[in-house]
Amino acid sequence: MTNAPAIHARTGSVERNTAETEIAISVNLDGNGTYEVSTGIGFLDHMVEQFSKHSLIDVTMKVSGDLHVDQHHTTEDSAIALGQAIAQALGDKAGIGRYGAAYSPMDETLSRVALDISGRPYTVWNASFTQEKLGEWDTELIRHWFESIAQSAGITLHIELLYGENNHHICESIYKGFARAMRIAVERDARKGGAIPSTKGQLGG
C-alpha cells in the first residue's frame, strides 16, 4: 500500500517594521476567506476583506502607519507585506494552477483581471477613477497597491476596466476580480502531481 504524499499547510507570515509603518500579516492559502484587517484606512480595510472573502485566502493584517503624513506608506507597505506573505505560503509553487482570470460584474461596472504567478512581476493597468477619494482613501493609490503586491508576490498582473461609472463599484469590482483570479491560480491541481507548472522546472527568472 502506497502512502499518499503529505500535504503541507500553505501559510505565510510577515512582520515589517520601518520608521513609516509597523505591519504584521499572516495568510493561509487553503483557508475559507476568514479575515481580520485593520490598516487605519477604512476603504482599504474593506477592499482587503473583499480580497480575502472571494479568494478564500485567510488574511490577518494589522497596520500602524504614519497617516498623519499621508496614506501612501500604509497603502504601499501593506501591499508589499501581503505579497511577501503570499509568496512565502506558495513556496516553490509546486502543483498550483499558476494562471487565473476573472470577469467581475458589479451593477453597471465590469472589470477583467488576468494573472500569472510567474515569479516575474509586471503590472498592466487600464482603469481610472473620476473622483479623488473613496471614503478617505486616495484613489490614485489603488493602482499603486496592485503594483506593489504584484512586485512582492512575483505576479504578472493585468487589470482592465471594461466599463463602469460608479467609482466604488469600479474599485470593488477590480478587487473581487483579483481575488477570484488568485483563488484559481493558487489552488493545487491534483493532475500536476506536485510538479512545478513550468517546462523550465522553476518559476521566476
Protein backbone atom coordinates (compact mmCIF):
# COMPACT_ATOMS: atom_id res chain seq x y z
CA MET A 1 0.00 0.00 0.00
CA THR A 2 1.44 3.36 -1.05
CA ASN A 3 1.09 6.27 1.29
CA ALA A 4 -0.12 9.50 -0.28
CA PRO A 5 2.38 12.37 -0.14
CA ALA A 6 1.95 14.69 2.82
CA ILE A 7 0.10 17.92 2.09
CA HIS A 8 1.78 20.75 3.91
CA ALA A 9 -0.08 23.79 5.15
CA ARG A 10 0.47 26.75 2.86
CA THR A 11 0.79 29.61 5.30
CA GLY A 12 2.94 32.69 5.44
CA SER A 13 3.57 35.46 7.93
CA VAL A 14 5.47 38.71 7.66
CA GLU A 15 6.38 41.42 10.13
CA ARG A 16 7.61 44.62 8.54
CA ASN A 17 8.69 47.48 10.80
CA THR A 18 10.09 50.74 9.48
CA ALA A 19 10.09 54.37 10.54
CA GLU A 20 6.91 54.75 8.45
CA THR A 21 4.85 51.64 9.21
CA GLU A 22 4.56 48.69 11.56
CA ILE A 23 2.89 45.70 9.93
CA ALA A 24 2.01 42.14 10.93
CA ILE A 25 0.38 39.93 8.28
CA SER A 26 -0.44 36.24 8.08
CA VAL A 27 -2.16 34.28 5.31
CA ASN A 28 -3.46 30.76 4.76
CA LEU A 29 -3.90 29.91 1.07
CA ASP A 30 -6.10 26.94 1.93
CA GLY A 31 -8.45 28.84 4.18
CA ASN A 32 -12.10 29.75 3.83
CA GLY A 33 -11.91 33.52 3.48
CA THR A 34 -11.67 34.45 7.15
CA TYR A 35 -10.20 37.90 7.76
CA GLU A 36 -9.18 40.35 10.43
CA VAL A 37 -7.99 43.59 8.85
CA SER A 38 -7.02 46.91 10.38
CA THR A 39 -4.96 49.40 8.37
CA GLY A 40 -6.31 52.69 9.67
CA ILE A 41 -7.85 53.38 6.23
CA GLY A 42 -11.46 52.25 6.18
CA PHE A 43 -11.88 51.74 2.46
CA LEU A 44 -8.59 49.83 2.18
CA ASP A 45 -9.79 47.56 5.02
CA HIS A 46 -12.97 46.93 3.04
CA MET A 47 -11.05 46.02 -0.11
CA VAL A 48 -8.63 43.64 1.64
CA GLU A 49 -11.62 42.00 3.30
CA GLN A 50 -13.20 41.55 -0.13
CA PHE A 51 -9.95 40.02 -1.38
CA SER A 52 -9.91 37.51 1.47
CA LYS A 53 -13.59 36.61 1.22
CA HIS A 54 -13.57 35.97 -2.53
CA SER A 55 -10.13 34.35 -2.82
CA LEU A 56 -10.78 32.07 0.19
CA ILE A 57 -7.34 33.11 1.44
CA ASP A 58 -7.44 33.76 5.18
CA VAL A 59 -5.85 37.14 5.94
CA THR A 60 -4.85 38.74 9.21
CA MET A 61 -3.47 42.24 8.64
CA LYS A 62 -2.63 44.79 11.29
CA VAL A 63 -1.01 48.03 10.17
CA SER A 64 0.04 51.11 12.11
CA GLY A 65 1.25 53.76 9.70
CA ASP A 66 2.16 57.43 9.50
CA LEU A 67 -1.29 58.53 8.39
CA HIS A 68 -0.58 61.99 9.82
CA VAL A 69 1.73 62.37 6.79
CA ASP A 70 -0.50 60.76 4.17
CA GLN A 71 -1.79 57.34 3.13
CA HIS A 72 0.99 56.40 0.72
CA HIS A 73 3.26 54.44 3.07
CA THR A 74 0.40 52.50 4.66
CA THR A 75 -1.03 51.57 1.27
CA GLU A 76 2.28 50.60 -0.28
CA ASP A 77 3.74 48.72 2.68
CA SER A 78 0.55 46.75 3.37
CA ALA A 79 0.57 45.51 -0.23
CA ILE A 80 4.28 44.66 -0.13
CA ALA A 81 3.90 42.67 3.09
CA LEU A 82 0.77 40.88 1.88
CA GLY A 83 2.56 39.91 -1.33
CA GLN A 84 5.55 38.66 0.66
CA ALA A 85 3.31 36.53 2.88
CA ILE A 86 1.58 35.02 -0.17
CA ALA A 87 4.94 34.28 -1.82
CA GLN A 88 6.14 32.62 1.38
CA ALA A 89 2.99 30.48 1.54
CA LEU A 90 3.38 29.44 -2.10
CA GLY A 91 6.94 28.20 -1.56
CA ASP A 92 8.25 26.70 -4.80
CA LYS A 93 4.71 26.87 -6.28
CA ALA A 94 4.62 23.13 -6.90
CA GLY A 95 1.27 21.85 -8.11
CA ILE A 96 -0.53 25.19 -8.35
CA GLY A 97 -2.77 26.24 -11.23
CA ARG A 98 -0.45 29.24 -11.74
CA TYR A 99 -2.82 31.15 -14.06
CA GLY A 100 -6.10 32.77 -13.12
CA ALA A 101 -8.59 35.10 -14.75
CA ALA A 102 -11.98 36.53 -13.83
CA TYR A 103 -14.63 38.85 -15.15
CA SER A 104 -16.18 40.72 -12.26
CA PRO A 105 -19.52 42.50 -12.73
CA MET A 106 -20.88 44.93 -10.16
CA ASP A 107 -24.06 46.67 -11.21
CA GLU A 108 -23.11 48.91 -14.17
CA THR A 109 -19.41 48.04 -13.90
CA LEU A 110 -17.45 45.19 -15.46
CA SER A 111 -13.74 44.55 -14.96
CA ARG A 112 -11.36 41.85 -16.13
CA VAL A 113 -8.35 40.58 -14.19
CA ALA A 114 -5.86 38.05 -15.56
CA LEU A 115 -2.71 36.93 -13.79
CA ASP A 116 0.20 34.52 -13.83
CA ILE A 117 2.09 33.60 -10.65
CA SER A 118 5.20 33.55 -12.77
CA GLY A 119 7.85 34.92 -10.44
CA ARG A 120 8.27 37.74 -12.96
CA PRO A 121 6.42 40.77 -11.58
CA TYR A 122 4.73 43.02 -14.09
CA THR A 123 1.56 45.10 -13.97
CA VAL A 124 -0.63 46.34 -16.79
CA TRP A 125 -3.27 48.77 -15.51
CA ASN A 126 -6.07 50.02 -17.73
CA ALA A 127 -8.55 51.63 -15.35
CA SER A 128 -9.27 55.07 -13.98
CA PHE A 129 -11.35 56.92 -11.42
CA THR A 130 -13.28 60.16 -11.72
CA GLN A 131 -13.04 61.22 -8.07
CA GLU A 132 -10.03 61.78 -5.83
CA LYS A 133 -11.17 59.78 -2.82
CA LEU A 134 -13.21 56.75 -1.86
CA GLY A 135 -14.09 57.34 1.75
CA GLU A 136 -10.83 58.83 2.99
CA TRP A 137 -8.64 56.74 0.64
CA ASP A 138 -6.89 58.50 -2.24
CA THR A 139 -7.93 56.74 -5.45
CA GLU A 140 -4.51 57.36 -7.03
CA LEU A 141 -3.13 54.83 -4.53
CA ILE A 142 -5.30 51.94 -5.78
CA ARG A 143 -3.14 51.29 -8.82
CA HIS A 144 -0.04 51.54 -6.63
CA TRP A 145 -1.43 48.91 -4.23
CA PHE A 146 -1.78 46.42 -7.07
CA GLU A 147 1.65 47.26 -8.49
CA SER A 148 3.19 46.72 -5.05
CA ILE A 149 1.54 43.35 -4.37
CA ALA A 150 2.40 42.11 -7.87
CA GLN A 151 6.03 43.11 -7.35
CA SER A 152 6.43 41.45 -3.96
CA ALA A 153 4.44 38.29 -4.76
CA GLY A 154 6.02 37.80 -8.20
CA ILE A 155 2.81 38.10 -10.19
CA THR A 156 2.28 39.13 -13.79
CA LEU A 157 -0.96 41.08 -13.38
CA HIS A 158 -3.29 42.58 -15.99
CA ILE A 159 -6.21 44.71 -14.80
CA GLU A 160 -8.72 46.27 -17.16
CA LEU A 161 -11.90 48.21 -16.54
CA LEU A 162 -14.18 47.31 -19.44
CA TYR A 163 -16.81 49.86 -18.44
CA GLY A 164 -18.29 51.48 -15.36
CA GLU A 165 -19.32 54.78 -13.83
CA ASN A 166 -19.58 54.44 -10.05
CA ASN A 167 -16.11 54.74 -8.50
CA HIS A 168 -16.95 52.49 -5.55
CA HIS A 169 -18.20 49.81 -7.93
CA ILE A 170 -15.11 50.13 -10.12
CA CYS A 171 -12.70 49.62 -7.23
CA GLU A 172 -14.66 46.78 -5.65
CA SER A 173 -15.11 45.04 -8.99
CA ILE A 174 -11.34 45.09 -9.54
CA TYR A 175 -10.55 43.75 -6.07
CA LYS A 176 -13.12 40.97 -6.38
CA GLY A 177 -11.80 40.06 -9.81
CA PHE A 178 -8.27 39.93 -8.44
CA ALA A 179 -9.47 37.72 -5.61
CA ARG A 180 -11.25 35.26 -7.90
CA ALA A 181 -8.27 35.08 -10.25
CA MET A 182 -5.94 34.43 -7.31
CA ARG A 183 -8.23 31.71 -6.00
CA ILE A 184 -7.91 29.86 -9.31
CA ALA A 185 -4.15 30.43 -9.59
CA VAL A 186 -3.11 29.32 -6.09
CA GLU A 187 -5.28 26.20 -5.94
CA ARG A 188 -3.49 22.87 -6.19
CA ASP A 189 -4.24 20.83 -9.30
CA ALA A 190 -4.16 17.13 -8.42
CA ARG A 191 -3.30 16.19 -12.00
CA LYS A 192 0.01 18.06 -11.73
CA GLY A 193 1.19 15.56 -9.13
CA GLY A 194 3.08 18.24 -7.25
CA ALA A 195 5.09 19.30 -10.29
CA ILE A 196 6.15 22.91 -10.73
CA PRO A 197 3.97 24.33 -13.54
CA SER A 198 6.77 25.30 -15.92
CA THR A 199 8.79 23.47 -18.54
CA LYS A 200 11.87 25.11 -17.00
CA GLY A 201 11.26 23.26 -13.75
CA GLN A 202 11.10 26.53 -11.81
CA LEU A 203 9.14 29.75 -11.75
CA GLY A 204 10.87 33.11 -11.79
CA GLY A 205 13.97 34.33 -13.55
